[in-house]
Amino acid sequence: MSLPKTLAEDVARNLVMVARLIDEDPEEAYAYARIALRLASRVAAVREAAGFAAYATQKYAEALAEFRASRRMTGSVDLWPVMADCERGLGRPERAMAMAGEPEVQKLDKAGQVEMRLVAAGARRDMGQIDAAIVTLQSPELASNSIQPWTPRLRYAYADALLEAGREDEAREWFGKALEADKDGSTDASDRLAELDGVEFVDALGDDEVVETVDVAEAAGTVPSVDDASEDDDEDDEDEQGDEAAKG
């Protein structure tokens, strides 16, 4: 659907803000998405953006409705995995599992199929089927040494499932593999590894050390002490009184 130039520009500005804010400030992104939706609800890209903004703020029923609307307009199956994940968010993992078995999955590209596998494994875990979740994640993509955009999340999900199943040694191995593939820091695999190895992160300076450091700085004269600050205030007051007397 084409829009008048001015309206199209207004919609585009709001969609740009959605994309810019959705990770850092989902609520603000959602507000921009609602504006775009009011301006152009018959544009598929707007419905999709509104869906992702709602999804980011955990408004899963609203997100699902927007994704369905976008899909009706375009006929694309690209949103199938995130639609299934919305069903999980709504507490309906069995529906997500049903969607994982639909013909639409075969029409997805490789990235979409991996995403669907992740959603299906998550649905299995929601239903308490941890062993089935592990089997769901086992795939050629998981076994491959090739690093793809989905590799860190796939390895991480597998490690997390193994850990839940009590298979700690294997989990440590796969968190390590996830970390190797995660060049952008999209997962907290390094933190999970540290937890498994019993490493604790503490502040470089504890409260006692901070106090001691301040005391040393005061003694050296590099930081004014409380007493010094009080004396300075008294001197300022005396100066002000002297100025007033001079004016009188």
C-alpha atoms as a PDB file:
ATOM      1  CA  MET A   1       0.000   0.000   0.000  1.00  0.00           C
ATOM      2  CA  SER A   2       1.371   3.419  -0.977  1.00  0.00           C
ATOM      3  CA  LEU A   3       1.022   6.466   1.274  1.00  0.00           C
ATOM      4  CA  PRO A   4       1.056  10.193   0.545  1.00  0.00           C
ATOM      5  CA  LYS A   5       4.587  11.537   0.761  1.00  0.00           C
ATOM      6  CA  THR A   6       4.162  13.539   3.977  1.00  0.00           C
ATOM      7  CA  LEU A   7       2.361  10.690   5.725  1.00  0.00           C
ATOM      8  CA  ALA A   8       4.956   8.189   4.526  1.00  0.00           C
ATOM      9  CA  GLU A   9       7.728  10.365   5.962  1.00  0.00           C
ATOM     10  CA  ASP A  10       5.958  10.601   9.329  1.00  0.00           C
ATOM     11  CA  VAL A  11       5.506   6.843   9.445  1.00  0.00           C
ATOM     12  CA  ALA A  12       9.121   6.240   8.455  1.00  0.00           C
ATOM     13  CA  ARG A  13      10.417   8.536  11.223  1.00  0.00           C
ATOM     14  CA  ASN A  14       8.439   6.603  13.822  1.00  0.00           C
ATOM     15  CA  LEU A  15       9.631   3.241  12.498  1.00  0.00           C
ATOM     16  CA  VAL A  16      13.226   4.440  12.638  1.00  0.00           C
ATOM     17  CA  MET A  17      12.733   5.309  16.301  1.00  0.00           C
ATOM     18  CA  VAL A  18      11.233   1.872  16.960  1.00  0.00           C
ATOM     19  CA  ALA A  19      14.300   0.189  15.481  1.00  0.00           C
ATOM     20  CA  ARG A  20      16.658   2.510  17.363  1.00  0.00           C
ATOM     21  CA  LEU A  21      15.044   2.074  20.783  1.00  0.00           C
ATOM     22  CA  ILE A  22      13.657  -1.440  20.856  1.00  0.00           C
ATOM     23  CA  ASP A  23      16.703  -2.958  22.590  1.00  0.00           C
ATOM     24  CA  GLU A  24      17.577  -0.084  24.933  1.00  0.00           C
ATOM     25  CA  ASP A  25      14.116   1.279  25.767  1.00  0.00           C
ATOM     26  CA  PRO A  26      11.346  -1.121  24.663  1.00  0.00           C
ATOM     27  CA  GLU A  27       8.558   0.918  26.244  1.00  0.00           C
ATOM     28  CA  GLU A  28       9.556   4.037  24.330  1.00  0.00           C
ATOM     29  CA  ALA A  29       9.864   1.983  21.131  1.00  0.00           C
ATOM     30  CA  TYR A  30       6.378   0.645  21.781  1.00  0.00           C
ATOM     31  CA  ALA A  31       5.037   4.207  22.055  1.00  0.00           C
ATOM     32  CA  TYR A  32       6.529   5.107  18.654  1.00  0.00           C
ATOM     33  CA  ALA A  33       5.115   1.904  17.161  1.00  0.00           C
ATOM     34  CA  ARG A  34       1.622   2.831  18.356  1.00  0.00           C
ATOM     35  CA  ILE A  35       1.939   6.212  16.636  1.00  0.00           C
ATOM     36  CA  ALA A  36       2.997   4.548  13.382  1.00  0.00           C
ATOM     37  CA  LEU A  37       0.105   2.099  13.735  1.00  0.00           C
ATOM     38  CA  ARG A  38      -2.404   4.923  14.090  1.00  0.00           C
ATOM     39  CA  LEU A  39      -0.991   6.567  10.980  1.00  0.00           C
ATOM     40  CA  ALA A  40      -0.753   3.521   8.714  1.00  0.00           C
ATOM     41  CA  SER A  41      -2.423   0.396  10.068  1.00  0.00           C
ATOM     42  CA  ARG A  42      -2.805  -1.087   6.599  1.00  0.00           C
ATOM     43  CA  VAL A  43       0.934  -1.231   5.940  1.00  0.00           C
ATOM     44  CA  ALA A  44       2.444  -4.654   6.631  1.00  0.00           C
ATOM     45  CA  ALA A  45       5.805  -3.262   7.769  1.00  0.00           C
ATOM     46  CA  VAL A  46       4.034  -1.115  10.346  1.00  0.00           C
ATOM     47  CA  ARG A  47       2.070  -4.067  11.690  1.00  0.00           C
ATOM     48  CA  GLU A  48       5.282  -6.105  11.918  1.00  0.00           C
ATOM     49  CA  ALA A  49       7.146  -3.323  13.742  1.00  0.00           C
ATOM     50  CA  ALA A  50       4.216  -2.903  16.114  1.00  0.00           C
ATOM     51  CA  GLY A  51       4.322  -6.649  16.736  1.00  0.00           C
ATOM     52  CA  PHE A  52       8.001  -6.646  17.636  1.00  0.00           C
ATOM     53  CA  ALA A  53       7.574  -3.613  19.899  1.00  0.00           C
ATOM     54  CA  ALA A  54       4.724  -5.339  21.731  1.00  0.00           C
ATOM     55  CA  TYR A  55       6.767  -8.543  21.911  1.00  0.00           C
ATOM     56  CA  ALA A  56       9.718  -6.647  23.421  1.00  0.00           C
ATOM     57  CA  THR A  57       7.429  -5.323  26.170  1.00  0.00           C
ATOM     58  CA  GLN A  58       5.948  -8.796  26.791  1.00  0.00           C
ATOM     59  CA  LYS A  59       2.524  -7.840  25.425  1.00  0.00           C
ATOM     60  CA  TYR A  60       2.273 -11.219  23.754  1.00  0.00           C
ATOM     61  CA  ALA A  61      -1.422 -11.225  22.823  1.00  0.00           C
ATOM     62  CA  GLU A  62      -1.048  -7.866  21.111  1.00  0.00           C
ATOM     63  CA  ALA A  63       2.183  -8.950  19.409  1.00  0.00           C
ATOM     64  CA  LEU A  64       0.558 -12.104  18.092  1.00  0.00           C
ATOM     65  CA  ALA A  65      -2.363 -10.148  16.666  1.00  0.00           C
ATOM     66  CA  GLU A  66      -0.007  -7.757  14.866  1.00  0.00           C
ATOM     67  CA  PHE A  67       2.156 -10.564  13.488  1.00  0.00           C
ATOM     68  CA  ARG A  68      -0.934 -12.358  12.202  1.00  0.00           C
ATOM     69  CA  ALA A  69      -2.118  -9.155  10.516  1.00  0.00           C
ATOM     70  CA  SER A  70       1.254  -8.679   8.842  1.00  0.00           C
ATOM     71  CA  ARG A  71       1.274 -12.272   7.667  1.00  0.00           C
ATOM     72  CA  ARG A  72      -2.200 -11.920   6.153  1.00  0.00           C
ATOM     73  CA  MET A  73      -1.013  -8.882   4.217  1.00  0.00           C
ATOM     74  CA  THR A  74       2.205 -10.403   2.891  1.00  0.00           C
ATOM     75  CA  GLY A  75       1.620 -14.164   2.865  1.00  0.00           C
ATOM     76  CA  SER A  76       5.152 -14.570   4.286  1.00  0.00           C
ATOM     77  CA  VAL A  77       6.032 -17.274   6.826  1.00  0.00           C
ATOM     78  CA  ASP A  78       9.030 -15.383   8.210  1.00  0.00           C
ATOM     79  CA  LEU A  79       7.208 -14.462  11.413  1.00  0.00           C
ATOM     80  CA  TRP A  80       6.130 -18.038  12.169  1.00  0.00           C
ATOM     81  CA  PRO A  81       8.780 -18.694  14.868  1.00  0.00           C
ATOM     82  CA  VAL A  82       8.115 -15.483  16.785  1.00  0.00           C
ATOM     83  CA  MET A  83       4.378 -16.122  16.537  1.00  0.00           C
ATOM     84  CA  ALA A  84       4.978 -19.516  18.132  1.00  0.00           C
ATOM     85  CA  ASP A  85       7.076 -17.883  20.838  1.00  0.00           C
ATOM     86  CA  CYS A  86       4.173 -15.528  21.573  1.00  0.00           C
ATOM     87  CA  GLU A  87       2.075 -18.631  22.248  1.00  0.00           C
ATOM     88  CA  ARG A  88       4.710 -19.647  24.796  1.00  0.00           C
ATOM     89  CA  GLY A  89       4.555 -16.198  26.332  1.00  0.00           C
ATOM     90  CA  LEU A  90       0.800 -16.600  26.686  1.00  0.00           C
ATOM     91  CA  GLY A  91       1.310 -19.841  28.585  1.00  0.00           C
ATOM     92  CA  ARG A  92       0.348 -22.081  25.663  1.00  0.00           C
ATOM     93  CA  PRO A  93       3.477 -24.144  24.907  1.00  0.00           C
ATOM     94  CA  GLU A  94       1.387 -26.909  23.374  1.00  0.00           C
ATOM     95  CA  ARG A  95       0.282 -24.495  20.642  1.00  0.00           C
ATOM     96  CA  ALA A  96       3.881 -23.542  20.014  1.00  0.00           C
ATOM     97  CA  MET A  97       4.712 -27.236  19.627  1.00  0.00           C
ATOM     98  CA  ALA A  98       1.826 -27.682  17.204  1.00  0.00           C
ATOM     99  CA  MET A  99       3.129 -24.776  15.120  1.00  0.00           C
ATOM    100  CA  ALA A 100       6.577 -26.392  15.049  1.00  0.00           C
ATOM    101  CA  GLY A 101       5.036 -29.298  13.159  1.00  0.00           C
ATOM    102  CA  GLU A 102       3.155 -27.242  10.574  1.00  0.00           C
ATOM    103  CA  PRO A 103       4.139 -27.117   6.863  1.00  0.00           C
ATOM    104  CA  GLU A 104       5.068 -23.438   7.238  1.00  0.00           C
ATOM    105  CA  VAL A 105       8.283 -24.477   9.000  1.00  0.00           C
ATOM    106  CA  GLN A 106       9.557 -26.167   5.843  1.00  0.00           C
ATOM    107  CA  LYS A 107       9.170 -22.876   3.988  1.00  0.00           C
ATOM    108  CA  LEU A 108      11.443 -21.011   6.386  1.00  0.00           C
ATOM    109  CA  ASP A 109      15.044 -20.262   5.511  1.00  0.00           C
ATOM    110  CA  LYS A 110      17.831 -21.865   7.552  1.00  0.00           C
ATOM    111  CA  ALA A 111      17.865 -19.076  10.155  1.00  0.00           C
ATOM    112  CA  GLY A 112      14.106 -19.337  10.547  1.00  0.00           C
ATOM    113  CA  GLN A 113      14.241 -23.099  10.975  1.00  0.00           C
ATOM    114  CA  VAL A 114      16.896 -22.781  13.682  1.00  0.00           C
ATOM    115  CA  GLU A 115      14.769 -20.156  15.413  1.00  0.00           C
ATOM    116  CA  MET A 116      11.786 -22.502  15.254  1.00  0.00           C
ATOM    117  CA  ARG A 117      13.901 -25.256  16.787  1.00  0.00           C
ATOM    118  CA  LEU A 118      14.837 -22.941  19.661  1.00  0.00           C
ATOM    119  CA  VAL A 119      11.189 -22.055  20.254  1.00  0.00           C
ATOM    120  CA  ALA A 120      10.146 -25.719  20.161  1.00  0.00           C
ATOM    121  CA  ALA A 121      12.856 -26.648  22.661  1.00  0.00           C
ATOM    122  CA  GLY A 122      11.711 -23.821  24.905  1.00  0.00           C
ATOM    123  CA  ALA A 123       8.136 -25.115  24.688  1.00  0.00           C
ATOM    124  CA  ARG A 124       9.335 -28.587  25.696  1.00  0.00           C
ATOM    125  CA  ARG A 125      11.038 -27.080  28.722  1.00  0.00           C
ATOM    126  CA  ASP A 126       7.887 -25.130  29.578  1.00  0.00           C
ATOM    127  CA  MET A 127       6.080 -28.461  29.718  1.00  0.00           C
ATOM    128  CA  GLY A 128       8.774 -30.031  31.900  1.00  0.00           C
ATOM    129  CA  GLN A 129      10.108 -32.214  29.088  1.00  0.00           C
ATOM    130  CA  ILE A 130      13.795 -31.410  29.491  1.00  0.00           C
ATOM    131  CA  ASP A 131      15.120 -34.550  27.791  1.00  0.00           C
ATOM    132  CA  ALA A 132      12.880 -33.903  24.789  1.00  0.00           C
ATOM    133  CA  ALA A 133      14.130 -30.317  24.703  1.00  0.00           C
ATOM    134  CA  ILE A 134      17.720 -31.540  24.511  1.00  0.00           C
ATOM    135  CA  VAL A 135      16.874 -33.909  21.649  1.00  0.00           C
ATOM    136  CA  THR A 136      15.033 -31.089  19.849  1.00  0.00           C
ATOM    137  CA  LEU A 137      18.165 -28.953  19.861  1.00  0.00           C
ATOM    138  CA  GLN A 138      20.404 -31.724  18.548  1.00  0.00           C
ATOM    139  CA  SER A 139      20.774 -30.977  14.852  1.00  0.00           C
ATOM    140  CA  PRO A 140      23.309 -30.567  12.055  1.00  0.00           C
ATOM    141  CA  GLU A 141      23.407 -26.839  12.847  1.00  0.00           C
ATOM    142  CA  LEU A 142      24.400 -27.579  16.444  1.00  0.00           C
ATOM    143  CA  ALA A 143      27.067 -30.082  15.413  1.00  0.00           C
ATOM    144  CA  SER A 144      28.531 -27.840  12.715  1.00  0.00           C
ATOM    145  CA  ASN A 145      31.874 -26.127  13.296  1.00  0.00           C
ATOM    146  CA  SER A 146      30.772 -23.305  11.011  1.00  0.00           C
ATOM    147  CA  ILE A 147      29.922 -20.108  12.887  1.00  0.00           C
ATOM    148  CA  GLN A 148      26.608 -18.616  11.800  1.00  0.00           C
ATOM    149  CA  PRO A 149      24.570 -15.755  13.323  1.00  0.00           C
ATOM    150  CA  TRP A 150      22.429 -18.274  15.180  1.00  0.00           C
ATOM    151  CA  THR A 151      25.333 -20.399  16.487  1.00  0.00           C
ATOM    152  CA  PRO A 152      25.897 -18.677  19.881  1.00  0.00           C
ATOM    153  CA  ARG A 153      22.218 -18.834  20.865  1.00  0.00           C
ATOM    154  CA  LEU A 154      21.805 -22.418  19.693  1.00  0.00           C
ATOM    155  CA  ARG A 155      24.863 -23.633  21.617  1.00  0.00           C
ATOM    156  CA  TYR A 156      23.855 -21.607  24.655  1.00  0.00           C
ATOM    157  CA  ALA A 157      20.322 -23.038  24.672  1.00  0.00           C
ATOM    158  CA  TYR A 158      21.758 -26.547  24.432  1.00  0.00           C
ATOM    159  CA  ALA A 159      24.172 -25.904  27.306  1.00  0.00           C
ATOM    160  CA  ASP A 160      21.397 -24.434  29.439  1.00  0.00           C
ATOM    161  CA  ALA A 161      19.162 -27.446  28.810  1.00  0.00           C
ATOM    162  CA  LEU A 162      22.000 -29.843  29.657  1.00  0.00           C
ATOM    163  CA  LEU A 163      22.580 -28.000  32.908  1.00  0.00           C
ATOM    164  CA  GLU A 164      18.918 -28.224  33.848  1.00  0.00           C
ATOM    165  CA  ALA A 165      19.113 -31.969  33.188  1.00  0.00           C
ATOM    166  CA  GLY A 166      22.017 -32.239  35.626  1.00  0.00           C
ATOM    167  CA  ARG A 167      24.640 -32.892  32.955  1.00  0.00           C
ATOM    168  CA  GLU A 168      27.071 -30.291  34.279  1.00  0.00           C
ATOM    169  CA  ASP A 169      30.267 -31.394  32.503  1.00  0.00           C
ATOM    170  CA  GLU A 170      28.558 -31.371  29.114  1.00  0.00           C
ATOM    171  CA  ALA A 171      26.919 -28.052  29.935  1.00  0.00           C
ATOM    172  CA  ARG A 172      30.313 -26.515  30.725  1.00  0.00           C
ATOM    173  CA  GLU A 173      31.658 -27.771  27.390  1.00  0.00           C
ATOM    174  CA  TRP A 174      28.781 -26.255  25.437  1.00  0.00           C
ATOM    175  CA  PHE A 175      28.819 -22.948  27.301  1.00  0.00           C
ATOM    176  CA  GLY A 176      32.479 -22.824  26.273  1.00  0.00           C
ATOM    177  CA  LYS A 177      31.550 -23.492  22.648  1.00  0.00           C
ATOM    178  CA  ALA A 178      28.861 -20.805  22.836  1.00  0.00           C
ATOM    179  CA  LEU A 179      31.423 -18.349  24.153  1.00  0.00           C
ATOM    180  CA  GLU A 180      33.824 -19.166  21.323  1.00  0.00           C
ATOM    181  CA  ALA A 181      31.139 -18.318  18.781  1.00  0.00           C
ATOM    182  CA  ASP A 182      29.769 -15.281  20.608  1.00  0.00           C
ATOM    183  CA  LYS A 183      31.930 -12.469  19.300  1.00  0.00           C
ATOM    184  CA  ASP A 184      29.280  -9.802  19.959  1.00  0.00           C
ATOM    185  CA  GLY A 185      28.466 -10.758  23.535  1.00  0.00           C
ATOM    186  CA  SER A 186      24.862 -11.648  22.712  1.00  0.00           C
ATOM    187  CA  THR A 187      24.790 -14.267  25.486  1.00  0.00           C
ATOM    188  CA  ASP A 188      26.091 -14.398  29.051  1.00  0.00           C
ATOM    189  CA  ALA A 189      27.980 -17.635  28.389  1.00  0.00           C
ATOM    190  CA  SER A 190      31.110 -16.294  30.090  1.00  0.00           C
ATOM    191  CA  ASP A 191      29.170 -15.588  33.291  1.00  0.00           C
ATOM    192  CA  ARG A 192      27.573 -19.023  33.213  1.00  0.00           C
ATOM    193  CA  LEU A 193      30.978 -20.647  32.843  1.00  0.00           C
ATOM    194  CA  ALA A 194      32.294 -18.628  35.763  1.00  0.00           C
ATOM    195  CA  GLU A 195      29.368 -19.733  37.915  1.00  0.00           C
ATOM    196  CA  LEU A 196      30.018 -23.370  37.080  1.00  0.00           C
ATOM    197  CA  ASP A 197      33.693 -22.935  37.976  1.00  0.00           C
ATOM    198  CA  GLY A 198      32.826 -21.236  41.271  1.00  0.00           C
ATOM    199  CA  VAL A 199      34.280 -17.888  40.296  1.00  0.00           C
ATOM    200  CA  GLU A 200      32.792 -14.923  42.168  1.00  0.00           C
ATOM    201  CA  PHE A 201      33.019 -11.385  40.887  1.00  0.00           C
ATOM    202  CA  VAL A 202      33.485  -8.710  43.568  1.00  0.00           C
ATOM    203  CA  ASP A 203      33.965  -4.952  43.495  1.00  0.00           C
ATOM    204  CA  ALA A 204      37.576  -3.889  43.030  1.00  0.00           C
ATOM    205  CA  LEU A 205      37.205  -1.740  46.149  1.00  0.00           C
ATOM    206  CA  GLY A 206      35.075  -2.831  49.070  1.00  0.00           C
ATOM    207  CA  ASP A 207      33.358  -0.294  51.332  1.00  0.00           C
ATOM    208  CA  ASP A 208      36.162  -0.447  53.925  1.00  0.00           C
ATOM    209  CA  GLU A 209      38.781   0.073  51.230  1.00  0.00           C
ATOM    210  CA  VAL A 210      36.898   3.087  49.856  1.00  0.00           C
ATOM    211  CA  VAL A 211      36.804   4.710  53.319  1.00  0.00           C
ATOM    212  CA  GLU A 212      40.510   3.987  53.827  1.00  0.00           C
ATOM    213  CA  THR A 213      41.350   5.438  50.426  1.00  0.00           C
ATOM    214  CA  VAL A 214      39.454   8.646  51.234  1.00  0.00           C
ATOM    215  CA  ASP A 215      41.258   8.938  54.594  1.00  0.00           C
ATOM    216  CA  VAL A 216      44.632   8.606  52.881  1.00  0.00           C
ATOM    217  CA  ALA A 217      43.661  11.204  50.297  1.00  0.00           C
ATOM    218  CA  GLU A 218      42.554  13.625  53.018  1.00  0.00           C
ATOM    219  CA  ALA A 219      45.848  13.133  54.868  1.00  0.00           C
ATOM    220  CA  ALA A 220      47.727  13.885  51.663  1.00  0.00           C
ATOM    221  CA  GLY A 221      45.667  17.016  51.168  1.00  0.00           C
ATOM    222  CA  THR A 222      44.261  15.907  47.807  1.00  0.00           C
ATOM    223  CA  VAL A 223      40.685  15.659  49.079  1.00  0.00           C
ATOM    224  CA  PRO A 224      39.172  18.183  51.534  1.00  0.00           C
ATOM    225  CA  SER A 225      38.065  16.658  54.823  1.00  0.00           C
ATOM    226  CA  VAL A 226      34.672  17.306  56.365  1.00  0.00           C
ATOM    227  CA  ASP A 227      36.325  19.555  58.957  1.00  0.00           C
ATOM    228  CA  ASP A 228      38.122  21.489  56.232  1.00  0.00           C
ATOM    229  CA  ALA A 229      34.877  21.955  54.372  1.00  0.00           C
ATOM    230  CA  SER A 230      33.195  23.253  57.543  1.00  0.00           C
ATOM    231  CA  GLU A 231      36.043  25.693  58.147  1.00  0.00           C
ATOM    232  CA  ASP A 232      35.769  26.932  54.569  1.00  0.00           C
ATOM    233  CA  ASP A 233      32.036  27.494  55.045  1.00  0.00           C
ATOM    234  CA  ASP A 234      32.693  29.491  58.247  1.00  0.00           C
ATOM    235  CA  GLU A 235      35.260  31.620  56.453  1.00  0.00           C
ATOM    236  CA  ASP A 236      32.793  32.271  53.629  1.00  0.00           C
ATOM    237  CA  ASP A 237      30.163  33.378  56.174  1.00  0.00           C
ATOM    238  CA  GLU A 238      32.643  35.758  57.846  1.00  0.00           C
ATOM    239  CA  ASP A 239      33.579  37.230  54.467  1.00  0.00           C
ATOM    240  CA  GLU A 240      29.930  37.799  53.621  1.00  0.00           C
ATOM    241  CA  GLN A 241      29.302  39.514  56.979  1.00  0.00           C
ATOM    242  CA  GLY A 242      32.340  41.748  56.414  1.00  0.00           C
ATOM    243  CA  ASP A 243      31.067  42.740  52.984  1.00  0.00           C
ATOM    244  CA  GLU A 244      27.662  43.646  54.387  1.00  0.00           C
ATOM    245  CA  ALA A 245      29.264  45.790  57.135  1.00  0.00           C
ATOM    246  CA  ALA A 246      31.347  47.605  54.534  1.00  0.00           C
ATOM    247  CA  LYS A 247      28.228  48.332  52.489  1.00  0.00           C
ATOM    248  CA  GLY A 248      26.513  49.688  55.641  1.00  0.00           C
END
